[in-house]
């Protein structure tokens, strides 16, 4: 049983991957010290031409490199990383560095911290708290973009095919 209970863990999660706007927040929690670190993959990595080149995966590796420097994991440290695609390059990088990596579903404290960080990023760009309060959804963000599409499109993941094929026109034609 004790082989599953590690004395040293770093848990990594992300938020924002499936959201229409902004980039992605990656957060890490080191246990037992409870040290938290977060970084952002910028929106530009989800816009042409960078999205097609998967720049976000390179950005994630840079975050992993910084995480290793800051959190100083040793041979006994186990990385427990969310199974999300945006974190796949982090899992690969850490394994190549010789670390033990487990793919998990992140719940609880770290998930809440990373989600809160993404919500704070949304507030920084002007999305009212009331709009986010329990309603973070694709349509919520689409409606927000549609209020001022000429200004807010720069905050959209425009690399998504669906943005150009469907949602962009809808955002520009919506009546707030």
C-alpha atoms as a PDB file:
ATOM      1  CA  UNK A   1       0.000   0.000   0.000  1.00  0.00           C
ATOM      2  CA  UNK A   2       2.781   2.470   0.837  1.00  0.00           C
ATOM      3  CA  UNK A   3       4.083   2.329  -2.724  1.00  0.00           C
ATOM      4  CA  UNK A   4       1.169   4.613  -3.700  1.00  0.00           C
ATOM      5  CA  UNK A   5       1.708   7.085  -0.869  1.00  0.00           C
ATOM      6  CA  UNK A   6       4.650   9.250  -1.736  1.00  0.00           C
ATOM      7  CA  UNK A   7       6.428  11.535   0.673  1.00  0.00           C
ATOM      8  CA  UNK A   8       7.289  14.010  -2.070  1.00  0.00           C
ATOM      9  CA  UNK A   9       4.855  14.903  -4.810  1.00  0.00           C
ATOM     10  CA  UNK A  10       4.396  17.659  -7.314  1.00  0.00           C
ATOM     11  CA  UNK A  11       0.896  17.743  -8.761  1.00  0.00           C
ATOM     12  CA  UNK A  12       0.300  19.633 -12.021  1.00  0.00           C
ATOM     13  CA  UNK A  13      -2.995  20.756 -13.539  1.00  0.00           C
ATOM     14  CA  UNK A  14      -4.205  23.180 -16.200  1.00  0.00           C
ATOM     15  CA  UNK A  15      -7.185  25.444 -16.781  1.00  0.00           C
ATOM     16  CA  UNK A  16      -8.434  27.235 -19.872  1.00  0.00           C
ATOM     17  CA  UNK A  17      -7.684  24.608 -22.526  1.00  0.00           C
ATOM     18  CA  UNK A  18     -11.293  24.303 -23.689  1.00  0.00           C
ATOM     19  CA  UNK A  19     -12.242  27.932 -23.144  1.00  0.00           C
ATOM     20  CA  UNK A  20     -12.796  30.279 -26.077  1.00  0.00           C
ATOM     21  CA  UNK A  21     -10.657  33.068 -24.702  1.00  0.00           C
ATOM     22  CA  UNK A  22      -7.158  33.548 -23.338  1.00  0.00           C
ATOM     23  CA  UNK A  23      -4.467  30.922 -23.086  1.00  0.00           C
ATOM     24  CA  UNK A  24      -3.947  28.265 -20.438  1.00  0.00           C
ATOM     25  CA  UNK A  25      -2.915  28.456 -16.794  1.00  0.00           C
ATOM     26  CA  UNK A  26      -0.633  25.675 -15.568  1.00  0.00           C
ATOM     27  CA  UNK A  27      -0.367  25.262 -11.823  1.00  0.00           C
ATOM     28  CA  UNK A  28       1.825  23.023  -9.695  1.00  0.00           C
ATOM     29  CA  UNK A  29       1.518  22.158  -6.022  1.00  0.00           C
ATOM     30  CA  UNK A  30       4.498  20.649  -4.207  1.00  0.00           C
ATOM     31  CA  UNK A  31       3.695  18.420  -1.258  1.00  0.00           C
ATOM     32  CA  UNK A  32       4.224  18.199   1.613  1.00  0.00           C
ATOM     33  CA  UNK A  33       5.524  21.814   1.618  1.00  0.00           C
ATOM     34  CA  UNK A  34       2.367  23.092  -0.106  1.00  0.00           C
ATOM     35  CA  UNK A  35       4.380  25.357  -2.428  1.00  0.00           C
ATOM     36  CA  UNK A  36       2.272  26.602  -5.307  1.00  0.00           C
ATOM     37  CA  UNK A  37       3.520  27.928  -8.621  1.00  0.00           C
ATOM     38  CA  UNK A  38       1.556  28.942 -11.675  1.00  0.00           C
ATOM     39  CA  UNK A  39       2.404  30.205 -15.118  1.00  0.00           C
ATOM     40  CA  UNK A  40       0.435  31.135 -18.217  1.00  0.00           C
ATOM     41  CA  UNK A  41       0.673  29.957 -21.777  1.00  0.00           C
ATOM     42  CA  UNK A  42      -0.174  33.142 -23.704  1.00  0.00           C
ATOM     43  CA  UNK A  43      -3.113  33.514 -26.046  1.00  0.00           C
ATOM     44  CA  UNK A  44      -0.699  34.051 -28.942  1.00  0.00           C
ATOM     45  CA  UNK A  45       0.187  30.343 -28.743  1.00  0.00           C
ATOM     46  CA  UNK A  46      -3.438  29.550 -29.612  1.00  0.00           C
ATOM     47  CA  UNK A  47      -3.585  31.897 -32.603  1.00  0.00           C
ATOM     48  CA  UNK A  48      -2.195  31.549 -36.135  1.00  0.00           C
ATOM     49  CA  UNK A  49       0.442  30.587 -37.022  1.00  0.00           C
ATOM     50  CA  UNK A  50       1.539  29.352 -33.589  1.00  0.00           C
ATOM     51  CA  UNK A  51      -1.518  27.205 -32.892  1.00  0.00           C
ATOM     52  CA  UNK A  52      -0.976  25.101 -36.008  1.00  0.00           C
ATOM     53  CA  UNK A  53       2.653  24.598 -34.948  1.00  0.00           C
ATOM     54  CA  UNK A  54       1.535  23.597 -31.432  1.00  0.00           C
ATOM     55  CA  UNK A  55       3.572  26.350 -29.809  1.00  0.00           C
ATOM     56  CA  UNK A  56       1.562  25.786 -26.618  1.00  0.00           C
ATOM     57  CA  UNK A  57       3.366  22.447 -26.138  1.00  0.00           C
ATOM     58  CA  UNK A  58       6.755  24.203 -26.336  1.00  0.00           C
ATOM     59  CA  UNK A  59       5.501  26.809 -23.864  1.00  0.00           C
ATOM     60  CA  UNK A  60       4.414  24.037 -21.509  1.00  0.00           C
ATOM     61  CA  UNK A  61       7.930  22.537 -21.587  1.00  0.00           C
ATOM     62  CA  UNK A  62       9.427  25.941 -20.724  1.00  0.00           C
ATOM     63  CA  UNK A  63       7.081  26.056 -17.742  1.00  0.00           C
ATOM     64  CA  UNK A  64       8.223  22.548 -16.740  1.00  0.00           C
ATOM     65  CA  UNK A  65      11.874  23.631 -16.947  1.00  0.00           C
ATOM     66  CA  UNK A  66      11.158  26.577 -14.658  1.00  0.00           C
ATOM     67  CA  UNK A  67       9.135  24.383 -12.335  1.00  0.00           C
ATOM     68  CA  UNK A  68      12.088  22.008 -11.913  1.00  0.00           C
ATOM     69  CA  UNK A  69      14.407  24.949 -11.148  1.00  0.00           C
ATOM     70  CA  UNK A  70      12.038  26.536  -8.645  1.00  0.00           C
ATOM     71  CA  UNK A  71      10.640  23.462  -6.881  1.00  0.00           C
ATOM     72  CA  UNK A  72      13.895  21.478  -6.909  1.00  0.00           C
ATOM     73  CA  UNK A  73      12.482  17.949  -7.118  1.00  0.00           C
ATOM     74  CA  UNK A  74      14.805  15.089  -6.215  1.00  0.00           C
ATOM     75  CA  UNK A  75      14.909  11.392  -7.097  1.00  0.00           C
ATOM     76  CA  UNK A  76      12.167  10.629  -4.573  1.00  0.00           C
ATOM     77  CA  UNK A  77       9.744  13.175  -6.014  1.00  0.00           C
ATOM     78  CA  UNK A  78       6.817  11.815  -7.994  1.00  0.00           C
ATOM     79  CA  UNK A  79       5.074  14.071 -10.497  1.00  0.00           C
ATOM     80  CA  UNK A  80       1.326  13.529 -10.668  1.00  0.00           C
ATOM     81  CA  UNK A  81       0.050  15.257 -13.773  1.00  0.00           C
ATOM     82  CA  UNK A  82      -3.421  15.754 -15.187  1.00  0.00           C
ATOM     83  CA  UNK A  83      -4.058  13.733 -18.321  1.00  0.00           C
ATOM     84  CA  UNK A  84      -4.956  16.787 -20.423  1.00  0.00           C
ATOM     85  CA  UNK A  85      -3.339  17.123 -23.853  1.00  0.00           C
ATOM     86  CA  UNK A  86      -1.720  20.490 -23.157  1.00  0.00           C
ATOM     87  CA  UNK A  87       0.282  18.788 -20.386  1.00  0.00           C
ATOM     88  CA  UNK A  88       1.481  15.889 -22.578  1.00  0.00           C
ATOM     89  CA  UNK A  89       4.733  17.666 -23.400  1.00  0.00           C
ATOM     90  CA  UNK A  90       5.373  18.237 -19.682  1.00  0.00           C
ATOM     91  CA  UNK A  91       4.861  14.542 -18.931  1.00  0.00           C
ATOM     92  CA  UNK A  92       7.256  13.593 -21.738  1.00  0.00           C
ATOM     93  CA  UNK A  93       9.857  16.197 -20.719  1.00  0.00           C
ATOM     94  CA  UNK A  94       9.863  15.126 -17.056  1.00  0.00           C
ATOM     95  CA  UNK A  95      10.135  11.426 -17.960  1.00  0.00           C
ATOM     96  CA  UNK A  96      13.071  12.248 -20.237  1.00  0.00           C
ATOM     97  CA  UNK A  97      14.695  14.023 -17.289  1.00  0.00           C
ATOM     98  CA  UNK A  98      14.445  10.786 -15.294  1.00  0.00           C
ATOM     99  CA  UNK A  99      11.541  11.722 -13.034  1.00  0.00           C
ATOM    100  CA  UNK A 100       8.718   9.391 -12.084  1.00  0.00           C
ATOM    101  CA  UNK A 101       5.509  10.636 -13.690  1.00  0.00           C
ATOM    102  CA  UNK A 102       1.960   9.438 -13.122  1.00  0.00           C
ATOM    103  CA  UNK A 103      -1.044  10.543 -15.133  1.00  0.00           C
ATOM    104  CA  UNK A 104      -3.994  11.345 -12.870  1.00  0.00           C
ATOM    105  CA  UNK A 105      -7.300  13.172 -12.723  1.00  0.00           C
ATOM    106  CA  UNK A 106      -6.685  16.248 -10.594  1.00  0.00           C
ATOM    107  CA  UNK A 107      -9.429  17.198  -8.153  1.00  0.00           C
ATOM    108  CA  UNK A 108      -9.634  19.192  -4.974  1.00  0.00           C
ATOM    109  CA  UNK A 109      -7.374  21.985  -3.841  1.00  0.00           C
ATOM    110  CA  UNK A 110      -5.011  22.259  -6.820  1.00  0.00           C
ATOM    111  CA  UNK A 111      -7.847  22.117  -9.337  1.00  0.00           C
ATOM    112  CA  UNK A 112      -9.625  24.915  -7.464  1.00  0.00           C
ATOM    113  CA  UNK A 113      -6.442  27.001  -7.319  1.00  0.00           C
ATOM    114  CA  UNK A 114      -5.788  26.674 -11.053  1.00  0.00           C
ATOM    115  CA  UNK A 115      -9.431  27.362 -11.952  1.00  0.00           C
ATOM    116  CA  UNK A 116      -9.361  30.447  -9.711  1.00  0.00           C
ATOM    117  CA  UNK A 117      -6.182  31.621 -11.449  1.00  0.00           C
ATOM    118  CA  UNK A 118      -7.864  31.346 -14.842  1.00  0.00           C
ATOM    119  CA  UNK A 119     -10.907  33.224 -13.515  1.00  0.00           C
ATOM    120  CA  UNK A 120      -8.588  35.965 -12.222  1.00  0.00           C
ATOM    121  CA  UNK A 121      -6.978  36.215 -15.666  1.00  0.00           C
ATOM    122  CA  UNK A 122     -10.467  36.643 -17.133  1.00  0.00           C
ATOM    123  CA  UNK A 123     -11.143  39.465 -14.678  1.00  0.00           C
ATOM    124  CA  UNK A 124      -7.849  41.122 -15.641  1.00  0.00           C
ATOM    125  CA  UNK A 125      -9.086  41.443 -19.233  1.00  0.00           C
ATOM    126  CA  UNK A 126     -12.432  42.843 -18.150  1.00  0.00           C
ATOM    127  CA  UNK A 127     -14.873  39.989 -17.785  1.00  0.00           C
ATOM    128  CA  UNK A 128     -17.126  40.948 -14.905  1.00  0.00           C
ATOM    129  CA  UNK A 129     -17.055  38.661 -11.888  1.00  0.00           C
ATOM    130  CA  UNK A 130     -20.827  38.189 -12.036  1.00  0.00           C
ATOM    131  CA  UNK A 131     -20.539  36.794 -15.543  1.00  0.00           C
ATOM    132  CA  UNK A 132     -18.008  34.195 -14.398  1.00  0.00           C
ATOM    133  CA  UNK A 133     -19.713  33.313 -11.144  1.00  0.00           C
ATOM    134  CA  UNK A 134     -20.620  29.686 -11.720  1.00  0.00           C
ATOM    135  CA  UNK A 135     -21.249  30.225 -15.448  1.00  0.00           C
ATOM    136  CA  UNK A 136     -17.890  29.745 -17.123  1.00  0.00           C
ATOM    137  CA  UNK A 137     -18.988  28.310 -20.415  1.00  0.00           C
ATOM    138  CA  UNK A 138     -18.291  28.635 -24.100  1.00  0.00           C
ATOM    139  CA  UNK A 139     -21.453  30.669 -24.683  1.00  0.00           C
ATOM    140  CA  UNK A 140     -20.662  33.005 -21.795  1.00  0.00           C
ATOM    141  CA  UNK A 141     -17.323  33.849 -23.398  1.00  0.00           C
ATOM    142  CA  UNK A 142     -18.803  34.044 -26.904  1.00  0.00           C
ATOM    143  CA  UNK A 143     -21.406  36.556 -25.712  1.00  0.00           C
ATOM    144  CA  UNK A 144     -18.668  38.607 -24.034  1.00  0.00           C
ATOM    145  CA  UNK A 145     -16.590  38.663 -27.232  1.00  0.00           C
ATOM    146  CA  UNK A 146     -19.713  39.560 -29.258  1.00  0.00           C
ATOM    147  CA  UNK A 147     -20.262  42.722 -27.188  1.00  0.00           C
ATOM    148  CA  UNK A 148     -17.094  44.267 -28.705  1.00  0.00           C
ATOM    149  CA  UNK A 149     -15.764  41.787 -31.257  1.00  0.00           C
ATOM    150  CA  UNK A 150     -13.332  44.201 -32.927  1.00  0.00           C
ATOM    151  CA  UNK A 151     -11.598  44.742 -29.581  1.00  0.00           C
ATOM    152  CA  UNK A 152     -11.977  41.322 -28.005  1.00  0.00           C
ATOM    153  CA  UNK A 153     -11.174  38.971 -30.873  1.00  0.00           C
ATOM    154  CA  UNK A 154      -7.488  39.398 -30.010  1.00  0.00           C
ATOM    155  CA  UNK A 155      -8.239  37.461 -26.797  1.00  0.00           C
ATOM    156  CA  UNK A 156      -9.844  34.520 -28.647  1.00  0.00           C
ATOM    157  CA  UNK A 157      -8.219  31.199 -29.509  1.00  0.00           C
ATOM    158  CA  UNK A 158      -8.451  32.065 -33.200  1.00  0.00           C
ATOM    159  CA  UNK A 159      -6.338  29.067 -34.184  1.00  0.00           C
ATOM    160  CA  UNK A 160      -9.341  26.834 -33.642  1.00  0.00           C
ATOM    161  CA  UNK A 161     -10.889  25.838 -36.970  1.00  0.00           C
ATOM    162  CA  UNK A 162     -14.333  26.268 -35.439  1.00  0.00           C
ATOM    163  CA  UNK A 163     -13.611  29.940 -34.714  1.00  0.00           C
ATOM    164  CA  UNK A 164     -13.188  30.771 -38.395  1.00  0.00           C
ATOM    165  CA  UNK A 165     -15.750  28.282 -39.686  1.00  0.00           C
ATOM    166  CA  UNK A 166     -18.586  29.122 -37.305  1.00  0.00           C
ATOM    167  CA  UNK A 167     -18.068  31.197 -34.185  1.00  0.00           C
ATOM    168  CA  UNK A 168     -16.356  34.297 -35.592  1.00  0.00           C
ATOM    169  CA  UNK A 169     -19.292  35.167 -37.830  1.00  0.00           C
ATOM    170  CA  UNK A 170     -21.717  34.486 -35.014  1.00  0.00           C
ATOM    171  CA  UNK A 171     -19.778  36.757 -32.634  1.00  0.00           C
ATOM    172  CA  UNK A 172     -19.760  39.607 -35.142  1.00  0.00           C
ATOM    173  CA  UNK A 173     -23.489  39.214 -35.865  1.00  0.00           C
ATOM    174  CA  UNK A 174     -24.805  38.791 -32.313  1.00  0.00           C
ATOM    175  CA  UNK A 175     -26.830  41.617 -30.871  1.00  0.00           C
ATOM    176  CA  UNK A 176     -25.848  42.340 -27.260  1.00  0.00           C
END
